[in-house]
Amino acid sequence: QVQLVESGGGLVQPGGSLRLSCAVSKSLFDISRMCWYRQTPGKQRELVASITIGGSTNYADSVKCRFTISRDNAKNTVYLQMNSLKPEDTAVYYCNFPTSTVRSWGQGTQVTVSS
């Protein structure tokens, strides 16, 4: 059972930045792709970004050029650097495997963008 622990969320003003972290209980050297998702009340969970073991990345159109996903395989940690935050980025953020192989969800980390 893989455990995923997200952290780094908080309250930030529009235009601000946050860096989220996801600690993974399995060696990232054995995981080909990791993803960040987000969810707001009443909406489906949305795929935000993904990264392969080789460092190739993909982003939702809504976050392109503002968010950067990265991974430190030696630390079994995946990151999401979020810049130029907007109120519509407010959500609970989760990391997990791709949707076809998703594991049990962690508790997520709340990001609130508000003045």
C-alpha atoms as a PDB file:
ATOM      1  CA  GLN A   1       0.000   0.000   0.000  1.00  0.00           C
ATOM      2  CA  VAL A   2       1.583   3.220  -1.173  1.00  0.00           C
ATOM      3  CA  GLN A   3       1.137   6.191   1.114  1.00  0.00           C
ATOM      4  CA  LEU A   4       1.023   9.734  -0.215  1.00  0.00           C
ATOM      5  CA  VAL A   5       1.410  12.708   2.098  1.00  0.00           C
ATOM      6  CA  GLU A   6       0.880  16.187   0.700  1.00  0.00           C
ATOM      7  CA  SER A   7       2.015  19.388   2.405  1.00  0.00           C
ATOM      8  CA  GLY A   8       2.808  23.025   1.745  1.00  0.00           C
ATOM      9  CA  GLY A   9      -0.631  24.491   1.187  1.00  0.00           C
ATOM     10  CA  GLY A  10      -1.926  27.627   2.810  1.00  0.00           C
ATOM     11  CA  LEU A  11      -3.523  31.007   2.328  1.00  0.00           C
ATOM     12  CA  VAL A  12      -1.880  33.250  -0.253  1.00  0.00           C
ATOM     13  CA  GLN A  13      -2.826  36.493  -1.970  1.00  0.00           C
ATOM     14  CA  PRO A  14      -3.509  36.595  -5.708  1.00  0.00           C
ATOM     15  CA  GLY A  15      -0.225  36.742  -7.565  1.00  0.00           C
ATOM     16  CA  GLY A  16       1.584  34.905  -4.814  1.00  0.00           C
ATOM     17  CA  SER A  17       3.439  31.602  -4.826  1.00  0.00           C
ATOM     18  CA  LEU A  18       3.389  28.313  -2.984  1.00  0.00           C
ATOM     19  CA  ARG A  19       5.421  25.134  -3.222  1.00  0.00           C
ATOM     20  CA  LEU A  20       3.618  21.882  -2.535  1.00  0.00           C
ATOM     21  CA  SER A  21       5.399  18.673  -1.608  1.00  0.00           C
ATOM     22  CA  CYS A  22       4.280  15.062  -1.819  1.00  0.00           C
ATOM     23  CA  ALA A  23       6.128  12.401   0.130  1.00  0.00           C
ATOM     24  CA  VAL A  24       5.755   8.961  -1.424  1.00  0.00           C
ATOM     25  CA  SER A  25       6.285   5.763   0.584  1.00  0.00           C
ATOM     26  CA  LYS A  26       7.603   3.922  -2.472  1.00  0.00           C
ATOM     27  CA  SER A  27      10.804   4.516  -4.353  1.00  0.00           C
ATOM     28  CA  LEU A  28      10.225   7.025  -7.119  1.00  0.00           C
ATOM     29  CA  PHE A  29      12.824   5.156  -9.145  1.00  0.00           C
ATOM     30  CA  ASP A  30      10.106   2.507  -9.544  1.00  0.00           C
ATOM     31  CA  ILE A  31       7.325   4.909 -10.548  1.00  0.00           C
ATOM     32  CA  SER A  32       7.207   5.994 -14.169  1.00  0.00           C
ATOM     33  CA  ARG A  33       4.783   8.893 -13.795  1.00  0.00           C
ATOM     34  CA  MET A  34       3.429  10.963 -10.908  1.00  0.00           C
ATOM     35  CA  CYS A  35       0.663  13.520 -10.986  1.00  0.00           C
ATOM     36  CA  TRP A  36      -0.832  16.423  -9.087  1.00  0.00           C
ATOM     37  CA  TYR A  37      -4.608  16.798  -8.975  1.00  0.00           C
ATOM     38  CA  ARG A  38      -6.932  19.330  -7.394  1.00  0.00           C
ATOM     39  CA  GLN A  39     -10.544  19.338  -6.301  1.00  0.00           C
ATOM     40  CA  THR A  40     -13.036  21.974  -5.256  1.00  0.00           C
ATOM     41  CA  PRO A  41     -16.357  21.226  -3.525  1.00  0.00           C
ATOM     42  CA  GLY A  42     -18.983  19.910  -5.904  1.00  0.00           C
ATOM     43  CA  LYS A  43     -16.538  19.369  -8.758  1.00  0.00           C
ATOM     44  CA  GLN A  44     -14.646  16.389 -10.073  1.00  0.00           C
ATOM     45  CA  ARG A  45     -11.002  15.995  -9.290  1.00  0.00           C
ATOM     46  CA  GLU A  46      -8.919  17.669 -11.993  1.00  0.00           C
ATOM     47  CA  LEU A  47      -5.521  16.569 -13.293  1.00  0.00           C
ATOM     48  CA  VAL A  48      -3.193  19.548 -12.950  1.00  0.00           C
ATOM     49  CA  ALA A  49       0.240  18.262 -13.918  1.00  0.00           C
ATOM     50  CA  SER A  50       2.251  15.101 -14.444  1.00  0.00           C
ATOM     51  CA  ILE A  51       5.902  14.158 -14.668  1.00  0.00           C
ATOM     52  CA  THR A  52       7.652  11.051 -15.932  1.00  0.00           C
ATOM     53  CA  ILE A  53      10.704   9.434 -14.411  1.00  0.00           C
ATOM     54  CA  GLY A  54      12.676  11.011 -17.225  1.00  0.00           C
ATOM     55  CA  GLY A  55      11.420  14.477 -16.386  1.00  0.00           C
ATOM     56  CA  SER A  56       8.891  14.985 -19.170  1.00  0.00           C
ATOM     57  CA  THR A  57       6.013  17.129 -17.985  1.00  0.00           C
ATOM     58  CA  ASN A  58       2.432  17.908 -18.944  1.00  0.00           C
ATOM     59  CA  TYR A  59       0.118  20.579 -17.593  1.00  0.00           C
ATOM     60  CA  ALA A  60      -3.543  21.480 -17.684  1.00  0.00           C
ATOM     61  CA  ASP A  61      -4.096  24.530 -19.891  1.00  0.00           C
ATOM     62  CA  SER A  62      -5.322  26.481 -16.871  1.00  0.00           C
ATOM     63  CA  VAL A  63      -1.935  26.253 -15.121  1.00  0.00           C
ATOM     64  CA  LYS A  64       0.554  26.246 -18.001  1.00  0.00           C
ATOM     65  CA  CYS A  65       3.383  28.742 -17.592  1.00  0.00           C
ATOM     66  CA  ARG A  66       2.435  29.277 -13.921  1.00  0.00           C
ATOM     67  CA  PHE A  67       2.939  25.857 -12.301  1.00  0.00           C
ATOM     68  CA  THR A  68       6.010  23.641 -12.431  1.00  0.00           C
ATOM     69  CA  ILE A  69       6.043  19.983 -11.416  1.00  0.00           C
ATOM     70  CA  SER A  70       9.285  18.324 -10.412  1.00  0.00           C
ATOM     71  CA  ARG A  71      10.458  15.192  -8.665  1.00  0.00           C
ATOM     72  CA  ASP A  72      13.404  14.234  -6.487  1.00  0.00           C
ATOM     73  CA  ASN A  73      13.718  10.505  -6.913  1.00  0.00           C
ATOM     74  CA  ALA A  74      16.364  10.218  -4.206  1.00  0.00           C
ATOM     75  CA  LYS A  75      14.003  11.824  -1.677  1.00  0.00           C
ATOM     76  CA  ASN A  76      10.859  10.072  -2.939  1.00  0.00           C
ATOM     77  CA  THR A  77       9.223  13.473  -3.197  1.00  0.00           C
ATOM     78  CA  VAL A  78       7.213  15.213  -5.892  1.00  0.00           C
ATOM     79  CA  TYR A  79       6.825  18.985  -5.918  1.00  0.00           C
ATOM     80  CA  LEU A  80       4.458  21.513  -7.421  1.00  0.00           C
ATOM     81  CA  GLN A  81       5.731  25.072  -7.638  1.00  0.00           C
ATOM     82  CA  MET A  82       2.774  27.394  -8.109  1.00  0.00           C
ATOM     83  CA  ASN A  83       3.367  30.984  -9.179  1.00  0.00           C
ATOM     84  CA  SER A  84       1.042  33.828 -10.144  1.00  0.00           C
ATOM     85  CA  LEU A  85      -1.735  32.198  -8.189  1.00  0.00           C
ATOM     86  CA  LYS A  86      -5.319  33.109  -8.963  1.00  0.00           C
ATOM     87  CA  PRO A  87      -8.479  32.771  -6.859  1.00  0.00           C
ATOM     88  CA  GLU A  88      -9.624  29.994  -9.201  1.00  0.00           C
ATOM     89  CA  ASP A  89      -6.610  27.940  -8.117  1.00  0.00           C
ATOM     90  CA  THR A  90      -8.243  27.560  -4.714  1.00  0.00           C
ATOM     91  CA  ALA A  91      -8.691  23.827  -4.117  1.00  0.00           C
ATOM     92  CA  VAL A  92      -7.446  20.824  -2.219  1.00  0.00           C
ATOM     93  CA  TYR A  93      -4.368  19.524  -3.996  1.00  0.00           C
ATOM     94  CA  TYR A  94      -3.456  15.838  -4.124  1.00  0.00           C
ATOM     95  CA  CYS A  95      -0.640  13.837  -5.609  1.00  0.00           C
ATOM     96  CA  ASN A  96      -1.136  10.344  -6.978  1.00  0.00           C
ATOM     97  CA  PHE A  97      -0.351   7.972  -9.807  1.00  0.00           C
ATOM     98  CA  PRO A  98      -1.975   8.480 -13.222  1.00  0.00           C
ATOM     99  CA  THR A  99      -5.761   7.984 -13.252  1.00  0.00           C
ATOM    100  CA  SER A 100      -5.498   4.473 -14.738  1.00  0.00           C
ATOM    101  CA  THR A 101      -3.367   3.272 -11.815  1.00  0.00           C
ATOM    102  CA  VAL A 102      -4.430   5.602  -9.018  1.00  0.00           C
ATOM    103  CA  ARG A 103      -3.769   4.554  -5.437  1.00  0.00           C
ATOM    104  CA  SER A 104      -5.566   5.486  -2.219  1.00  0.00           C
ATOM    105  CA  TRP A 105      -5.806   9.232  -1.905  1.00  0.00           C
ATOM    106  CA  GLY A 106      -3.919  11.121   0.761  1.00  0.00           C
ATOM    107  CA  GLN A 107      -5.453  13.863   2.842  1.00  0.00           C
ATOM    108  CA  GLY A 108      -4.441  16.523   0.344  1.00  0.00           C
ATOM    109  CA  THR A 109      -3.301  20.040   1.122  1.00  0.00           C
ATOM    110  CA  GLN A 110      -5.603  23.056   1.022  1.00  0.00           C
ATOM    111  CA  VAL A 111      -4.603  26.002  -1.146  1.00  0.00           C
ATOM    112  CA  THR A 112      -6.626  29.166  -0.737  1.00  0.00           C
ATOM    113  CA  VAL A 113      -5.965  32.186  -2.946  1.00  0.00           C
ATOM    114  CA  SER A 114      -7.696  35.237  -1.594  1.00  0.00           C
ATOM    115  CA  SER A 115      -7.040  38.855  -0.762  1.00  0.00           C
END
